[in-house]
């Protein structure tokens, strides 16, 4: 895998780019403090925009590391910041990218998550030369799994009772993945 870091990706309706500090204000409003989004993520919702600013300040520092692959997702037509998508560094040395994404609920069910994930997959497979991309979702969030299926990821399995949610209940994680060969075959056949 090539550690080439975060580069701007353009899709039909989106620009995926590095986070800017001023993005924190829209991020806070659109998803970081949302009670609805909070149900489906493992991190705690932000209580103030200062938490988002602090997080984005640390993310800006992380861009110095070429193993950092993290994008803010922006709508081309009006420059609204609608979410984030990034790669965990956990298995990068094995050519494996664990992808996570989060979007504000007013942007759900419009194909943005699918479009952004397809753009990131193309970048990771064709430019960064990743071998495998995988993602997981809480069983309470099947819509996230549908995004994974739409981009060609295959169901790998259910990691039973893996997470304790914010209400203290155990939850399953559902895992999907796609290999570079599967991705390239899909591109050839479409």
Protein backbone atom coordinates (compact mmCIF):
# COMPACT_ATOMS: atom_id res chain seq x y z
CA UNK A 1 0.00 0.00 0.00
CA UNK A 2 1.20 3.49 -0.80
CA UNK A 3 0.96 6.02 2.00
CA UNK A 4 -0.04 9.02 -0.09
CA UNK A 5 -2.40 10.63 2.41
CA UNK A 6 -5.55 12.60 1.81
CA UNK A 7 -5.99 14.09 -1.63
CA UNK A 8 -9.07 15.89 -2.93
CA UNK A 9 -11.59 13.59 -4.62
CA UNK A 10 -14.39 14.89 -6.84
CA UNK A 11 -17.52 12.95 -7.66
CA UNK A 12 -20.62 14.01 -9.59
CA UNK A 13 -22.16 15.93 -6.66
CA UNK A 14 -19.44 15.98 -3.99
CA UNK A 15 -16.01 17.28 -3.13
CA UNK A 16 -14.08 15.19 -0.62
CA UNK A 17 -11.20 17.21 0.79
CA UNK A 18 -9.09 17.76 3.87
CA UNK A 19 -10.87 19.17 6.89
CA UNK A 20 -10.53 22.91 7.53
CA UNK A 21 -10.97 24.44 10.96
CA UNK A 22 -13.92 26.53 9.77
CA UNK A 23 -15.74 23.28 8.83
CA UNK A 24 -16.25 22.65 12.55
CA UNK A 25 -19.20 25.05 12.72
CA UNK A 26 -21.25 23.30 10.03
CA UNK A 27 -20.13 19.88 11.28
CA UNK A 28 -21.33 20.69 14.77
CA UNK A 29 -24.70 21.90 13.46
CA UNK A 30 -25.19 19.13 10.90
CA UNK A 31 -24.11 15.99 12.79
CA UNK A 32 -21.67 16.34 15.69
CA UNK A 33 -24.34 17.30 18.23
CA UNK A 34 -27.31 15.51 16.65
CA UNK A 35 -29.31 13.19 18.92
CA UNK A 36 -30.35 11.17 15.87
CA UNK A 37 -26.81 10.65 14.57
CA UNK A 38 -25.67 9.91 18.12
CA UNK A 39 -27.71 6.67 18.13
CA UNK A 40 -25.56 5.16 15.37
CA UNK A 41 -22.01 6.21 16.25
CA UNK A 42 -19.60 5.03 18.92
CA UNK A 43 -18.26 8.47 19.81
CA UNK A 44 -20.08 10.85 22.16
CA UNK A 45 -22.00 13.68 20.55
CA UNK A 46 -20.36 17.07 21.01
CA UNK A 47 -21.78 19.32 23.71
CA UNK A 48 -20.35 22.50 22.16
CA UNK A 49 -18.74 23.68 18.95
CA UNK A 50 -15.50 23.96 20.93
CA UNK A 51 -15.34 20.14 21.07
CA UNK A 52 -15.64 20.01 17.29
CA UNK A 53 -13.01 22.74 16.90
CA UNK A 54 -10.66 20.84 19.20
CA UNK A 55 -11.17 17.60 17.26
CA UNK A 56 -10.60 19.29 13.90
CA UNK A 57 -7.45 20.98 15.24
CA UNK A 58 -6.04 17.54 16.07
CA UNK A 59 -7.14 16.19 12.68
CA UNK A 60 -5.26 19.02 10.92
CA UNK A 61 -2.10 17.91 12.73
CA UNK A 62 -2.69 14.30 11.65
CA UNK A 63 -2.51 15.28 7.98
CA UNK A 64 1.27 15.52 8.43
CA UNK A 65 1.26 11.72 8.59
CA UNK A 66 0.97 10.23 5.05
CA UNK A 67 -0.98 7.31 6.58
CA UNK A 68 -3.88 9.69 7.28
CA UNK A 69 -6.81 9.26 4.94
CA UNK A 70 -9.63 11.53 6.15
CA UNK A 71 -12.09 13.64 4.18
CA UNK A 72 -14.79 16.16 4.89
CA UNK A 73 -17.68 15.68 2.44
CA UNK A 74 -18.95 18.88 0.81
CA UNK A 75 -21.80 19.39 -1.64
CA UNK A 76 -20.58 20.93 -4.88
CA UNK A 77 -23.71 22.97 -5.53
CA UNK A 78 -23.84 24.96 -2.28
CA UNK A 79 -20.63 24.10 -0.36
CA UNK A 80 -22.59 22.61 2.57
CA UNK A 81 -20.44 20.31 4.71
CA UNK A 82 -22.50 17.14 5.16
CA UNK A 83 -20.23 14.52 6.75
CA UNK A 84 -16.88 12.81 7.04
CA UNK A 85 -15.30 9.62 5.76
CA UNK A 86 -11.98 8.24 6.93
CA UNK A 87 -9.71 5.22 7.22
CA UNK A 88 -8.46 3.73 10.47
CA UNK A 89 -4.68 3.23 10.59
CA UNK A 90 -5.12 -0.08 12.43
CA UNK A 91 -4.44 -2.47 9.51
CA UNK A 92 -2.87 -0.13 6.93
CA UNK A 93 0.49 -1.89 7.13
CA UNK A 94 -1.30 -4.99 5.77
CA UNK A 95 -2.87 -3.04 2.90
CA UNK A 96 -6.26 -3.19 4.62
CA UNK A 97 -8.42 -0.10 5.04
CA UNK A 98 -11.17 0.05 7.65
CA UNK A 99 -13.54 2.79 6.54
CA UNK A 100 -15.89 4.80 8.75
CA UNK A 101 -18.31 7.51 7.73
CA UNK A 102 -20.86 9.81 9.32
CA UNK A 103 -23.41 12.18 7.78
CA UNK A 104 -25.97 14.63 9.10
CA UNK A 105 -29.46 13.12 9.05
CA UNK A 106 -30.88 15.73 6.67
CA UNK A 107 -28.50 14.30 4.04
CA UNK A 108 -29.51 10.65 4.48
CA UNK A 109 -31.27 8.66 1.75
CA UNK A 110 -29.99 10.86 -1.08
CA UNK A 111 -27.11 8.66 -2.26
CA UNK A 112 -24.36 10.89 -0.84
CA UNK A 113 -22.84 8.21 1.40
CA UNK A 114 -22.72 5.74 -1.49
CA UNK A 115 -21.21 8.32 -3.86
CA UNK A 116 -18.54 9.34 -1.34
CA UNK A 117 -17.65 5.73 -0.48
CA UNK A 118 -17.29 4.86 -4.17
CA UNK A 119 -14.95 7.83 -4.64
CA UNK A 120 -12.82 6.85 -1.66
CA UNK A 121 -12.70 3.19 -2.73
CA UNK A 122 -11.51 4.18 -6.20
CA UNK A 123 -8.77 6.36 -4.68
CA UNK A 124 -7.66 3.71 -2.18
CA UNK A 125 -7.60 0.85 -4.69
CA UNK A 126 -6.22 2.62 -7.77
CA UNK A 127 -3.92 5.27 -6.29
CA UNK A 128 -3.00 4.07 -2.78
CA UNK A 129 -2.99 0.43 -3.96
CA UNK A 130 -4.94 -0.95 -1.01
CA UNK A 131 -5.61 -4.70 -1.05
CA UNK A 132 -8.82 -4.85 1.00
CA UNK A 133 -11.40 -2.33 2.17
CA UNK A 134 -13.87 -3.17 4.90
CA UNK A 135 -16.48 -1.43 7.00
CA UNK A 136 -18.70 -2.32 9.93
CA UNK A 137 -22.01 -1.02 11.19
CA UNK A 138 -24.09 -1.48 14.30
CA UNK A 139 -26.94 -3.92 13.70
CA UNK A 140 -29.29 -1.06 14.68
CA UNK A 141 -28.19 0.84 11.55
CA UNK A 142 -29.04 -1.35 8.54
CA UNK A 143 -29.06 1.72 6.26
CA UNK A 144 -25.28 1.89 6.63
CA UNK A 145 -25.07 -1.75 5.57
CA UNK A 146 -27.12 -0.95 2.46
CA UNK A 147 -24.48 1.64 1.51
CA UNK A 148 -21.79 -1.03 1.84
CA UNK A 149 -23.78 -3.43 -0.33
CA UNK A 150 -24.44 -0.78 -3.01
CA UNK A 151 -20.69 -0.21 -3.49
CA UNK A 152 -20.06 -3.93 -4.00
CA UNK A 153 -18.89 -4.94 -0.56
CA UNK A 154 -19.73 -8.49 0.47
CA UNK A 155 -21.18 -9.52 3.81
CA UNK A 156 -18.41 -11.11 5.89
CA UNK A 157 -20.27 -11.87 9.07
CA UNK A 158 -21.75 -10.68 12.30
CA UNK A 159 -19.44 -9.91 15.18
CA UNK A 160 -21.81 -10.91 17.93
CA UNK A 161 -22.28 -8.82 21.06
CA UNK A 162 -19.17 -6.78 20.16
CA UNK A 163 -20.14 -3.28 21.28
CA UNK A 164 -21.86 -1.82 24.32
CA UNK A 165 -24.06 1.06 23.18
CA UNK A 166 -24.68 4.32 25.01
CA UNK A 167 -27.70 2.83 26.80
CA UNK A 168 -25.54 -0.01 28.11
CA UNK A 169 -26.88 -2.72 25.78
CA UNK A 170 -24.68 -5.12 23.84
CA UNK A 171 -24.86 -4.77 20.06
CA UNK A 172 -23.64 -6.80 17.11
CA UNK A 173 -21.33 -5.35 14.48
CA UNK A 174 -22.06 -6.33 10.88
CA UNK A 175 -18.96 -6.54 8.65
CA UNK A 176 -18.61 -6.07 4.88
CA UNK A 177 -15.52 -6.02 2.66
CA UNK A 178 -14.24 -5.85 -0.91
CA UNK A 179 -10.83 -6.83 -2.28
CA UNK A 180 -8.92 -5.00 -4.97
CA UNK A 181 -9.45 -7.93 -7.40
CA UNK A 182 -13.21 -7.86 -6.78
CA UNK A 183 -13.24 -4.10 -7.30
CA UNK A 184 -11.24 -4.29 -10.55
CA UNK A 185 -13.44 -7.11 -11.89
CA UNK A 186 -16.53 -5.05 -11.08
CA UNK A 187 -15.05 -2.06 -12.96
CA UNK A 188 -14.28 -4.21 -16.01
CA UNK A 189 -17.74 -5.77 -16.07
CA UNK A 190 -19.67 -2.48 -15.69
